[in-house]
């Protein structure tokens, strides 16, 4: 990450004081972490998975922002990293969505 961080931070808006994407503050501000800390069992699982899906969507937004920036992603290593991140995050989102659907079906029984 030492290589990609300087490149990505030039193109992706970060909160300069906290060094994370601005969308992260929304999750914290809306009580995402507080609710997760209090949750137990199936409620925890649901909050964890939905929070992780939101987190992964943030990564997809960052990759999109990178590739939507003229001249960005031209470096082969960065292009490969961002493309791999996009593919991996999409696959993991599908897995987590399937887990949520399975849990929902189990709860209806």
N, C-alpha and C. Protein backbone atom coordinates (compact mmCIF):
# COMPACT_ATOMS: atom_id res chain seq x y z
N UNK A 1 0.82 -1.19 0.00
CA UNK A 1 0.00 0.00 0.00
C UNK A 1 0.86 1.26 0.00
N UNK A 2 2.10 1.14 0.41
CA UNK A 2 2.96 2.32 0.43
C UNK A 2 3.07 2.93 -0.96
N UNK A 3 3.05 2.08 -2.00
CA UNK A 3 3.15 2.59 -3.36
C UNK A 3 1.85 3.25 -3.80
N UNK A 4 0.73 2.58 -3.55
CA UNK A 4 -0.54 3.07 -4.08
C UNK A 4 -1.13 4.22 -3.28
N UNK A 5 -0.88 4.29 -1.98
CA UNK A 5 -1.50 5.33 -1.18
C UNK A 5 -1.23 6.74 -1.70
N UNK A 6 0.02 7.11 -1.99
CA UNK A 6 0.23 8.47 -2.50
C UNK A 6 -0.50 8.72 -3.82
N UNK A 7 -0.58 7.72 -4.67
CA UNK A 7 -1.26 7.88 -5.95
C UNK A 7 -2.75 8.03 -5.73
N UNK A 8 -3.32 7.15 -4.91
CA UNK A 8 -4.76 7.19 -4.67
C UNK A 8 -5.19 8.46 -3.94
N UNK A 9 -4.41 8.90 -2.95
CA UNK A 9 -4.82 10.06 -2.17
C UNK A 9 -4.76 11.34 -2.98
N UNK A 10 -4.05 11.35 -4.07
CA UNK A 10 -4.06 12.52 -4.94
C UNK A 10 -5.39 12.63 -5.67
N UNK A 11 -6.08 11.52 -5.85
CA UNK A 11 -7.30 11.50 -6.67
C UNK A 11 -8.58 11.23 -5.89
N UNK A 12 -8.50 10.63 -4.73
CA UNK A 12 -9.68 10.26 -3.95
C UNK A 12 -9.77 11.20 -2.75
N UNK A 13 -10.91 11.90 -2.60
CA UNK A 13 -11.01 12.83 -1.47
C UNK A 13 -10.98 12.11 -0.13
N UNK A 14 -10.02 12.47 0.70
CA UNK A 14 -9.90 11.89 2.04
C UNK A 14 -10.08 13.00 3.05
N UNK A 15 -10.56 12.63 4.22
CA UNK A 15 -10.60 13.56 5.33
C UNK A 15 -9.14 13.74 5.73
N UNK A 16 -8.58 14.94 5.56
CA UNK A 16 -7.15 15.13 5.81
C UNK A 16 -6.73 14.86 7.25
N UNK A 17 -7.63 15.05 8.20
CA UNK A 17 -7.27 14.84 9.60
C UNK A 17 -7.28 13.36 9.97
N UNK A 18 -8.12 12.58 9.29
CA UNK A 18 -8.30 11.19 9.70
C UNK A 18 -7.76 10.18 8.71
N UNK A 19 -7.42 10.62 7.51
CA UNK A 19 -6.82 9.76 6.49
C UNK A 19 -7.72 8.59 6.08
N UNK A 20 -9.01 8.84 6.00
CA UNK A 20 -9.92 7.83 5.48
C UNK A 20 -10.95 8.51 4.58
N UNK A 21 -11.61 7.74 3.73
CA UNK A 21 -12.60 8.35 2.84
C UNK A 21 -13.71 9.04 3.62
N UNK A 22 -14.22 10.12 3.08
CA UNK A 22 -15.22 10.94 3.75
C UNK A 22 -16.48 10.13 4.07
N UNK A 23 -16.87 9.15 3.23
CA UNK A 23 -18.09 8.37 3.49
C UNK A 23 -18.02 7.61 4.81
N UNK A 24 -16.82 7.34 5.29
CA UNK A 24 -16.65 6.61 6.55
C UNK A 24 -17.30 7.36 7.71
N UNK A 25 -17.17 8.68 7.72
CA UNK A 25 -17.75 9.48 8.80
C UNK A 25 -19.26 9.33 8.86
N UNK A 26 -19.90 9.15 7.69
CA UNK A 26 -21.35 8.97 7.67
C UNK A 26 -21.74 7.70 8.41
N UNK A 27 -20.99 6.63 8.21
CA UNK A 27 -21.28 5.36 8.89
C UNK A 27 -21.16 5.53 10.40
N UNK A 28 -20.11 6.19 10.83
CA UNK A 28 -19.91 6.42 12.26
C UNK A 28 -21.00 7.35 12.80
N UNK A 29 -21.30 8.43 12.07
CA UNK A 29 -22.27 9.42 12.52
C UNK A 29 -23.68 8.85 12.61
N UNK A 30 -24.01 7.90 11.76
CA UNK A 30 -25.35 7.32 11.79
C UNK A 30 -25.46 6.17 12.80
N UNK A 31 -24.44 5.99 13.58
CA UNK A 31 -24.51 4.99 14.65
C UNK A 31 -24.12 3.59 14.25
N UNK A 32 -23.49 3.44 13.09
CA UNK A 32 -23.13 2.11 12.62
C UNK A 32 -22.28 1.33 13.60
N UNK A 33 -21.21 1.93 14.09
CA UNK A 33 -20.33 1.22 15.01
C UNK A 33 -20.97 1.04 16.37
N UNK A 34 -21.67 2.04 16.85
CA UNK A 34 -22.32 1.94 18.15
C UNK A 34 -23.34 0.81 18.16
N UNK A 35 -24.13 0.72 17.10
CA UNK A 35 -25.13 -0.34 17.01
C UNK A 35 -24.47 -1.71 16.92
N UNK A 36 -23.38 -1.81 16.20
CA UNK A 36 -22.67 -3.08 16.06
C UNK A 36 -22.11 -3.54 17.40
N UNK A 37 -21.58 -2.61 18.17
CA UNK A 37 -21.03 -2.97 19.49
C UNK A 37 -22.11 -3.54 20.42
N UNK A 38 -23.33 -3.03 20.29
CA UNK A 38 -24.42 -3.46 21.18
C UNK A 38 -25.11 -4.73 20.70
N UNK A 39 -24.99 -5.05 19.42
CA UNK A 39 -25.74 -6.15 18.83
C UNK A 39 -25.20 -7.51 19.26
N UNK A 40 -26.09 -8.49 19.21
CA UNK A 40 -25.73 -9.87 19.55
C UNK A 40 -26.38 -10.81 18.53
N UNK A 41 -25.81 -11.98 18.36
CA UNK A 41 -26.40 -13.03 17.54
C UNK A 41 -26.70 -12.62 16.12
N UNK A 42 -27.93 -12.96 15.68
CA UNK A 42 -28.34 -12.68 14.30
C UNK A 42 -28.35 -11.19 13.99
N UNK A 43 -28.67 -10.37 15.00
CA UNK A 43 -28.66 -8.92 14.80
C UNK A 43 -27.25 -8.42 14.50
N UNK A 44 -26.27 -8.98 15.21
CA UNK A 44 -24.87 -8.62 14.95
C UNK A 44 -24.48 -9.02 13.53
N UNK A 45 -24.84 -10.26 13.18
CA UNK A 45 -24.50 -10.76 11.83
C UNK A 45 -25.06 -9.85 10.76
N UNK A 46 -26.32 -9.46 10.91
CA UNK A 46 -26.96 -8.59 9.92
C UNK A 46 -26.25 -7.23 9.84
N UNK A 47 -26.01 -6.62 10.98
CA UNK A 47 -25.33 -5.31 10.98
C UNK A 47 -23.91 -5.41 10.43
N UNK A 48 -23.21 -6.47 10.81
CA UNK A 48 -21.85 -6.65 10.32
C UNK A 48 -21.84 -6.78 8.80
N UNK A 49 -22.69 -7.65 8.27
CA UNK A 49 -22.71 -7.87 6.81
C UNK A 49 -23.16 -6.62 6.07
N UNK A 50 -24.18 -5.94 6.55
CA UNK A 50 -24.63 -4.73 5.84
C UNK A 50 -23.57 -3.64 5.93
N UNK A 51 -22.88 -3.55 7.07
CA UNK A 51 -21.79 -2.58 7.20
C UNK A 51 -20.63 -2.89 6.28
N UNK A 52 -20.30 -4.17 6.16
CA UNK A 52 -19.21 -4.57 5.28
C UNK A 52 -19.57 -4.35 3.81
N UNK A 53 -20.84 -4.58 3.46
CA UNK A 53 -21.27 -4.30 2.09
C UNK A 53 -21.11 -2.80 1.80
N UNK A 54 -21.51 -1.97 2.75
CA UNK A 54 -21.33 -0.52 2.59
C UNK A 54 -19.85 -0.18 2.44
N UNK A 55 -19.02 -0.79 3.26
CA UNK A 55 -17.57 -0.57 3.21
C UNK A 55 -17.01 -0.97 1.84
N UNK A 56 -17.41 -2.13 1.35
CA UNK A 56 -16.94 -2.61 0.05
C UNK A 56 -17.44 -1.70 -1.08
N UNK A 57 -18.68 -1.22 -0.96
CA UNK A 57 -19.18 -0.27 -1.95
C UNK A 57 -18.36 1.01 -1.96
N UNK A 58 -17.85 1.40 -0.80
CA UNK A 58 -16.95 2.55 -0.74
C UNK A 58 -15.69 2.32 -1.54
N UNK A 59 -15.16 1.09 -1.46
CA UNK A 59 -13.97 0.75 -2.26
C UNK A 59 -14.29 0.81 -3.75
N UNK A 60 -15.48 0.33 -4.14
CA UNK A 60 -15.88 0.40 -5.55
C UNK A 60 -16.00 1.85 -6.01
N UNK A 61 -16.51 2.71 -5.14
CA UNK A 61 -16.61 4.13 -5.47
C UNK A 61 -15.22 4.73 -5.67
N UNK A 62 -14.29 4.34 -4.83
CA UNK A 62 -12.92 4.85 -4.96
C UNK A 62 -12.30 4.42 -6.28
N UNK A 63 -12.50 3.16 -6.66
CA UNK A 63 -11.96 2.67 -7.94
C UNK A 63 -12.61 3.42 -9.09
N UNK A 64 -13.93 3.60 -9.03
CA UNK A 64 -14.64 4.33 -10.09
C UNK A 64 -14.12 5.76 -10.19
N UNK A 65 -13.96 6.41 -9.04
CA UNK A 65 -13.43 7.78 -9.04
C UNK A 65 -12.04 7.83 -9.66
N UNK A 66 -11.23 6.84 -9.35
CA UNK A 66 -9.88 6.77 -9.92
C UNK A 66 -9.95 6.69 -11.45
N UNK A 67 -10.74 5.73 -11.95
CA UNK A 67 -10.81 5.53 -13.40
C UNK A 67 -11.60 6.62 -14.12
N UNK A 68 -12.45 7.34 -13.39
CA UNK A 68 -13.18 8.46 -14.00
C UNK A 68 -12.32 9.73 -14.09
N UNK A 69 -11.15 9.71 -13.46
CA UNK A 69 -10.25 10.87 -13.48
C UNK A 69 -9.33 10.76 -14.70
N UNK A 70 -9.38 11.78 -15.52
CA UNK A 70 -8.56 11.79 -16.75
C UNK A 70 -7.09 11.52 -16.40
N UNK A 71 -6.51 10.57 -17.10
CA UNK A 71 -5.09 10.25 -16.92
C UNK A 71 -4.79 9.35 -15.74
N UNK A 72 -5.80 9.02 -14.94
CA UNK A 72 -5.57 8.17 -13.76
C UNK A 72 -5.54 6.71 -14.17
N UNK A 73 -4.89 5.90 -13.38
CA UNK A 73 -4.85 4.46 -13.63
C UNK A 73 -4.00 4.07 -14.82
N UNK A 74 -3.13 4.96 -15.27
CA UNK A 74 -2.29 4.66 -16.43
C UNK A 74 -1.10 3.77 -16.06
N UNK A 75 -0.67 3.86 -14.82
CA UNK A 75 0.43 3.03 -14.35
C UNK A 75 -0.06 1.58 -14.29
N UNK A 76 0.68 0.65 -14.86
CA UNK A 76 0.25 -0.75 -14.94
C UNK A 76 0.00 -1.36 -13.56
N UNK A 77 0.89 -1.09 -12.59
CA UNK A 77 0.70 -1.65 -11.25
C UNK A 77 -0.57 -1.11 -10.60
N UNK A 78 -0.79 0.18 -10.72
CA UNK A 78 -1.98 0.77 -10.13
C UNK A 78 -3.24 0.28 -10.84
N UNK A 79 -3.20 0.19 -12.17
CA UNK A 79 -4.34 -0.32 -12.93
C UNK A 79 -4.68 -1.74 -12.48
N UNK A 80 -3.66 -2.60 -12.37
CA UNK A 80 -3.88 -3.98 -11.95
C UNK A 80 -4.43 -4.06 -10.53
N UNK A 81 -3.87 -3.23 -9.64
CA UNK A 81 -4.33 -3.20 -8.25
C UNK A 81 -5.80 -2.78 -8.18
N UNK A 82 -6.14 -1.69 -8.87
CA UNK A 82 -7.51 -1.17 -8.83
C UNK A 82 -8.49 -2.13 -9.48
N UNK A 83 -8.10 -2.75 -10.57
CA UNK A 83 -8.97 -3.71 -11.24
C UNK A 83 -9.20 -4.93 -10.36
N UNK A 84 -8.13 -5.40 -9.72
CA UNK A 84 -8.25 -6.54 -8.81
C UNK A 84 -9.13 -6.16 -7.62
N UNK A 85 -8.94 -4.98 -7.07
CA UNK A 85 -9.77 -4.53 -5.95
C UNK A 85 -11.24 -4.49 -6.36
N UNK A 86 -11.53 -3.97 -7.54
CA UNK A 86 -12.90 -3.90 -8.03
C UNK A 86 -13.50 -5.31 -8.15
N UNK A 87 -12.79 -6.21 -8.79
CA UNK A 87 -13.29 -7.57 -8.97
C UNK A 87 -13.50 -8.28 -7.63
N UNK A 88 -12.55 -8.15 -6.75
CA UNK A 88 -12.62 -8.81 -5.45
C UNK A 88 -13.76 -8.25 -4.61
N UNK A 89 -13.88 -6.93 -4.57
CA UNK A 89 -14.94 -6.32 -3.76
C UNK A 89 -16.33 -6.71 -4.28
N UNK A 90 -16.50 -6.75 -5.61
CA UNK A 90 -17.79 -7.16 -6.19
C UNK A 90 -18.11 -8.61 -5.82
N UNK A 91 -17.12 -9.48 -5.89
CA UNK A 91 -17.33 -10.90 -5.54
C UNK A 91 -17.70 -11.03 -4.06
N UNK A 92 -17.01 -10.31 -3.21
CA UNK A 92 -17.30 -10.40 -1.78
C UNK A 92 -18.67 -9.80 -1.45
N UNK A 93 -19.08 -8.75 -2.15
CA UNK A 93 -20.42 -8.20 -1.95
C UNK A 93 -21.47 -9.25 -2.30
N UNK A 94 -21.27 -9.95 -3.42
CA UNK A 94 -22.23 -11.00 -3.80
C UNK A 94 -22.31 -12.10 -2.73
N UNK A 95 -21.17 -12.47 -2.18
CA UNK A 95 -21.15 -13.49 -1.13
C UNK A 95 -21.91 -13.00 0.10
N UNK A 96 -21.66 -11.78 0.51
CA UNK A 96 -22.33 -11.25 1.70
C UNK A 96 -23.82 -11.07 1.47
N UNK A 97 -24.21 -10.65 0.27
CA UNK A 97 -25.64 -10.53 -0.04
C UNK A 97 -26.31 -11.91 0.01
N UNK A 98 -25.63 -12.92 -0.49
CA UNK A 98 -26.18 -14.28 -0.44
C UNK A 98 -26.32 -14.74 1.01
N UNK A 99 -25.36 -14.39 1.85
CA UNK A 99 -25.44 -14.75 3.27
C UNK A 99 -26.64 -14.07 3.92
N UNK A 100 -26.86 -12.79 3.60
CA UNK A 100 -28.01 -12.08 4.15
C UNK A 100 -29.33 -12.70 3.68
N UNK A 101 -29.39 -13.05 2.41
CA UNK A 101 -30.60 -13.67 1.87
C UNK A 101 -30.86 -15.02 2.54
N UNK A 102 -29.82 -15.81 2.74
CA UNK A 102 -29.95 -17.11 3.39
C UNK A 102 -30.46 -16.93 4.82
N UNK A 103 -29.87 -15.98 5.55
CA UNK A 103 -30.30 -15.73 6.93
C UNK A 103 -31.75 -15.27 6.97
N UNK A 104 -32.14 -14.45 6.00
CA UNK A 104 -33.51 -13.96 5.95
C UNK A 104 -34.49 -15.11 5.71
N UNK A 105 -34.13 -16.00 4.81
CA UNK A 105 -34.99 -17.16 4.54
C UNK A 105 -35.08 -18.08 5.77
N UNK A 106 -33.96 -18.26 6.46
CA UNK A 106 -33.95 -19.10 7.66
C UNK A 106 -34.82 -18.51 8.77
N UNK A 107 -34.81 -17.18 8.87
CA UNK A 107 -35.61 -16.52 9.91
C UNK A 107 -37.10 -16.61 9.62
N UNK A 108 -37.48 -16.75 8.35
CA UNK A 108 -38.89 -16.84 7.96
C UNK A 108 -39.47 -18.22 8.24
N UNK A 109 -38.62 -19.19 8.48
CA UNK A 109 -39.09 -20.58 8.73
C UNK A 109 -39.68 -20.72 10.09
